[in-house]
Amino acid sequence: MNTTTRISTAQRVGRWLGRGWRSYLRGERRASAWLVMRGLPSRTALVLLWALKLAVLGALLYAAFWLALLLVFLVLVVQGHDTVDWEIPEPEWRYGHAGYGLYTHDGYRIDPHDPADEV
């Protein structure tokens, strides 16, 4: 039996996310320091970085909105495809406003008939 303990997948993912977050923070500090070295006040650099973060967040939300709208549209199309009958119903023999005959789905008689024969 092996006595070496192994870390779980959740721990491995957590460590990976933590390393990514620390790397992001280092990059942000490096960008802030670069802006300050170029003569920008530190508060202005901080505001500029926050504005950049908000712009990226806004772009992501904009893209997510359109993707969600596209998904809703696709779901409605797929759902509606089963319920909507795209074919015109066949004419049927029945009693209508012009007597017994062959009528279309919207009530028009299409068989040849002579109204004088019905008397």
C-alpha atoms as a PDB file:
ATOM      1  CA  MET A   1       0.000   0.000   0.000  1.00  0.00           C
ATOM      2  CA  ASN A   2       1.287   3.407  -0.989  1.00  0.00           C
ATOM      3  CA  THR A   3       1.514   5.944   1.853  1.00  0.00           C
ATOM      4  CA  THR A   4       1.891   8.937  -0.442  1.00  0.00           C
ATOM      5  CA  THR A   5      -1.188  11.145  -0.284  1.00  0.00           C
ATOM      6  CA  ARG A   6      -2.472  12.467  -3.564  1.00  0.00           C
ATOM      7  CA  ILE A   7      -4.226  15.761  -4.007  1.00  0.00           C
ATOM      8  CA  SER A   8      -7.719  15.670  -5.398  1.00  0.00           C
ATOM      9  CA  THR A   9      -8.792  17.144  -8.697  1.00  0.00           C
ATOM     10  CA  ALA A  10     -10.581  19.955  -6.878  1.00  0.00           C
ATOM     11  CA  GLN A  11      -7.357  20.893  -5.097  1.00  0.00           C
ATOM     12  CA  ARG A  12      -5.432  20.754  -8.360  1.00  0.00           C
ATOM     13  CA  VAL A  13      -7.960  23.021 -10.069  1.00  0.00           C
ATOM     14  CA  GLY A  14      -7.937  25.390  -7.094  1.00  0.00           C
ATOM     15  CA  ARG A  15      -4.165  25.651  -7.185  1.00  0.00           C
ATOM     16  CA  TRP A  16      -4.263  26.237 -10.939  1.00  0.00           C
ATOM     17  CA  LEU A  17      -6.845  29.018 -10.510  1.00  0.00           C
ATOM     18  CA  GLY A  18      -4.826  30.529  -7.662  1.00  0.00           C
ATOM     19  CA  ARG A  19      -1.679  30.610  -9.776  1.00  0.00           C
ATOM     20  CA  GLY A  20      -3.629  32.223 -12.608  1.00  0.00           C
ATOM     21  CA  TRP A  21      -5.083  34.854 -10.263  1.00  0.00           C
ATOM     22  CA  ARG A  22      -1.655  35.667  -8.790  1.00  0.00           C
ATOM     23  CA  SER A  23      -0.242  35.947 -12.313  1.00  0.00           C
ATOM     24  CA  TYR A  24      -3.046  38.341 -13.261  1.00  0.00           C
ATOM     25  CA  LEU A  25      -2.379  40.494 -10.199  1.00  0.00           C
ATOM     26  CA  ARG A  26       1.353  40.584 -10.977  1.00  0.00           C
ATOM     27  CA  GLY A  27       0.572  41.714 -14.517  1.00  0.00           C
ATOM     28  CA  GLU A  28      -1.774  44.399 -13.225  1.00  0.00           C
ATOM     29  CA  ARG A  29       0.859  45.688 -10.798  1.00  0.00           C
ATOM     30  CA  ARG A  30       3.425  45.635 -13.606  1.00  0.00           C
ATOM     31  CA  ALA A  31       1.097  47.634 -15.878  1.00  0.00           C
ATOM     32  CA  SER A  32       0.385  50.128 -13.108  1.00  0.00           C
ATOM     33  CA  ALA A  33       4.103  50.544 -12.420  1.00  0.00           C
ATOM     34  CA  TRP A  34       4.772  51.006 -16.151  1.00  0.00           C
ATOM     35  CA  LEU A  35       2.122  53.757 -16.336  1.00  0.00           C
ATOM     36  CA  VAL A  36       3.577  55.481 -13.256  1.00  0.00           C
ATOM     37  CA  MET A  37       7.079  55.266 -14.772  1.00  0.00           C
ATOM     38  CA  ARG A  38       5.728  57.034 -17.872  1.00  0.00           C
ATOM     39  CA  GLY A  39       4.714  59.988 -15.714  1.00  0.00           C
ATOM     40  CA  LEU A  40       1.076  59.182 -14.929  1.00  0.00           C
ATOM     41  CA  PRO A  41      -0.034  59.785 -11.321  1.00  0.00           C
ATOM     42  CA  SER A  42      -0.687  56.548  -9.431  1.00  0.00           C
ATOM     43  CA  ARG A  43      -4.362  57.362  -8.877  1.00  0.00           C
ATOM     44  CA  THR A  44      -4.868  58.037 -12.576  1.00  0.00           C
ATOM     45  CA  ALA A  45      -3.179  54.736 -13.413  1.00  0.00           C
ATOM     46  CA  LEU A  46      -5.503  52.977 -10.969  1.00  0.00           C
ATOM     47  CA  VAL A  47      -8.584  54.651 -12.495  1.00  0.00           C
ATOM     48  CA  LEU A  48      -7.349  53.787 -15.993  1.00  0.00           C
ATOM     49  CA  LEU A  49      -6.916  50.128 -15.074  1.00  0.00           C
ATOM     50  CA  TRP A  50     -10.392  50.022 -13.498  1.00  0.00           C
ATOM     51  CA  ALA A  51     -11.863  51.644 -16.619  1.00  0.00           C
ATOM     52  CA  LEU A  52     -10.163  48.976 -18.721  1.00  0.00           C
ATOM     53  CA  LYS A  53     -11.573  46.232 -16.477  1.00  0.00           C
ATOM     54  CA  LEU A  54     -15.086  47.703 -16.756  1.00  0.00           C
ATOM     55  CA  ALA A  55     -14.761  48.010 -20.534  1.00  0.00           C
ATOM     56  CA  VAL A  56     -13.736  44.351 -20.809  1.00  0.00           C
ATOM     57  CA  LEU A  57     -16.610  43.350 -18.503  1.00  0.00           C
ATOM     58  CA  GLY A  58     -19.042  45.402 -20.600  1.00  0.00           C
ATOM     59  CA  ALA A  59     -17.812  43.753 -23.811  1.00  0.00           C
ATOM     60  CA  LEU A  60     -18.193  40.311 -22.250  1.00  0.00           C
ATOM     61  CA  LEU A  61     -21.711  41.093 -21.045  1.00  0.00           C
ATOM     62  CA  TYR A  62     -22.607  42.481 -24.486  1.00  0.00           C
ATOM     63  CA  ALA A  63     -21.383  39.306 -26.179  1.00  0.00           C
ATOM     64  CA  ALA A  64     -23.143  37.124 -23.591  1.00  0.00           C
ATOM     65  CA  PHE A  65     -26.407  39.016 -24.143  1.00  0.00           C
ATOM     66  CA  TRP A  66     -26.357  38.414 -27.898  1.00  0.00           C
ATOM     67  CA  LEU A  67     -25.367  34.772 -27.460  1.00  0.00           C
ATOM     68  CA  ALA A  68     -28.200  34.272 -24.970  1.00  0.00           C
ATOM     69  CA  LEU A  69     -30.648  35.989 -27.341  1.00  0.00           C
ATOM     70  CA  LEU A  70     -29.478  33.733 -30.175  1.00  0.00           C
ATOM     71  CA  LEU A  71     -29.897  30.686 -27.946  1.00  0.00           C
ATOM     72  CA  VAL A  72     -33.438  31.723 -26.959  1.00  0.00           C
ATOM     73  CA  PHE A  73     -34.299  32.285 -30.621  1.00  0.00           C
ATOM     74  CA  LEU A  74     -32.944  28.866 -31.573  1.00  0.00           C
ATOM     75  CA  VAL A  75     -34.872  27.185 -28.755  1.00  0.00           C
ATOM     76  CA  LEU A  76     -38.086  28.899 -29.851  1.00  0.00           C
ATOM     77  CA  VAL A  77     -37.513  27.887 -33.455  1.00  0.00           C
ATOM     78  CA  VAL A  78     -36.855  24.281 -32.492  1.00  0.00           C
ATOM     79  CA  GLN A  79     -39.876  24.163 -30.193  1.00  0.00           C
ATOM     80  CA  GLY A  80     -42.126  25.872 -32.722  1.00  0.00           C
ATOM     81  CA  HIS A  81     -41.014  23.580 -35.517  1.00  0.00           C
ATOM     82  CA  ASP A  82     -42.784  20.608 -33.958  1.00  0.00           C
ATOM     83  CA  THR A  83     -46.037  22.428 -33.225  1.00  0.00           C
ATOM     84  CA  VAL A  84     -46.453  24.468 -36.404  1.00  0.00           C
ATOM     85  CA  ASP A  85     -48.023  22.653 -39.344  1.00  0.00           C
ATOM     86  CA  TRP A  86     -46.335  24.084 -42.415  1.00  0.00           C
ATOM     87  CA  GLU A  87     -48.446  22.119 -44.881  1.00  0.00           C
ATOM     88  CA  ILE A  88     -51.794  23.352 -46.184  1.00  0.00           C
ATOM     89  CA  PRO A  89     -54.532  20.881 -45.261  1.00  0.00           C
ATOM     90  CA  GLU A  90     -56.096  18.880 -48.042  1.00  0.00           C
ATOM     91  CA  PRO A  91     -59.535  19.931 -49.309  1.00  0.00           C
ATOM     92  CA  GLU A  92     -62.371  17.939 -47.729  1.00  0.00           C
ATOM     93  CA  TRP A  93     -65.942  17.021 -48.608  1.00  0.00           C
ATOM     94  CA  ARG A  94     -68.390  18.724 -46.242  1.00  0.00           C
ATOM     95  CA  TYR A  95     -71.394  20.987 -45.912  1.00  0.00           C
ATOM     96  CA  GLY A  96     -70.544  24.653 -46.308  1.00  0.00           C
ATOM     97  CA  HIS A  97     -72.136  27.965 -47.261  1.00  0.00           C
ATOM     98  CA  ALA A  98     -72.719  26.720 -50.839  1.00  0.00           C
ATOM     99  CA  GLY A  99     -74.060  23.283 -49.877  1.00  0.00           C
ATOM    100  CA  TYR A 100     -72.319  19.952 -49.829  1.00  0.00           C
ATOM    101  CA  GLY A 101     -69.049  19.929 -51.767  1.00  0.00           C
ATOM    102  CA  LEU A 102     -65.260  19.966 -51.775  1.00  0.00           C
ATOM    103  CA  TYR A 103     -64.040  22.846 -49.608  1.00  0.00           C
ATOM    104  CA  THR A 104     -60.570  24.217 -48.957  1.00  0.00           C
ATOM    105  CA  HIS A 105     -59.245  24.887 -45.446  1.00  0.00           C
ATOM    106  CA  ASP A 106     -60.430  28.501 -45.634  1.00  0.00           C
ATOM    107  CA  GLY A 107     -64.012  27.714 -46.657  1.00  0.00           C
ATOM    108  CA  TYR A 108     -64.039  28.094 -50.441  1.00  0.00           C
ATOM    109  CA  ARG A 109     -65.825  25.487 -52.514  1.00  0.00           C
ATOM    110  CA  ILE A 110     -63.582  24.199 -55.284  1.00  0.00           C
ATOM    111  CA  ASP A 111     -65.563  21.422 -56.952  1.00  0.00           C
ATOM    112  CA  PRO A 112     -67.521  22.290 -60.100  1.00  0.00           C
ATOM    113  CA  HIS A 113     -71.198  22.550 -59.263  1.00  0.00           C
ATOM    114  CA  ASP A 114     -74.345  24.023 -60.640  1.00  0.00           C
ATOM    115  CA  PRO A 115     -76.459  25.824 -58.023  1.00  0.00           C
ATOM    116  CA  ALA A 116     -79.597  25.029 -60.055  1.00  0.00           C
ATOM    117  CA  ASP A 117     -79.062  21.295 -59.456  1.00  0.00           C
ATOM    118  CA  GLU A 118     -79.436  21.720 -55.712  1.00  0.00           C
ATOM    119  CA  VAL A 119     -83.082  22.824 -55.902  1.00  0.00           C
END
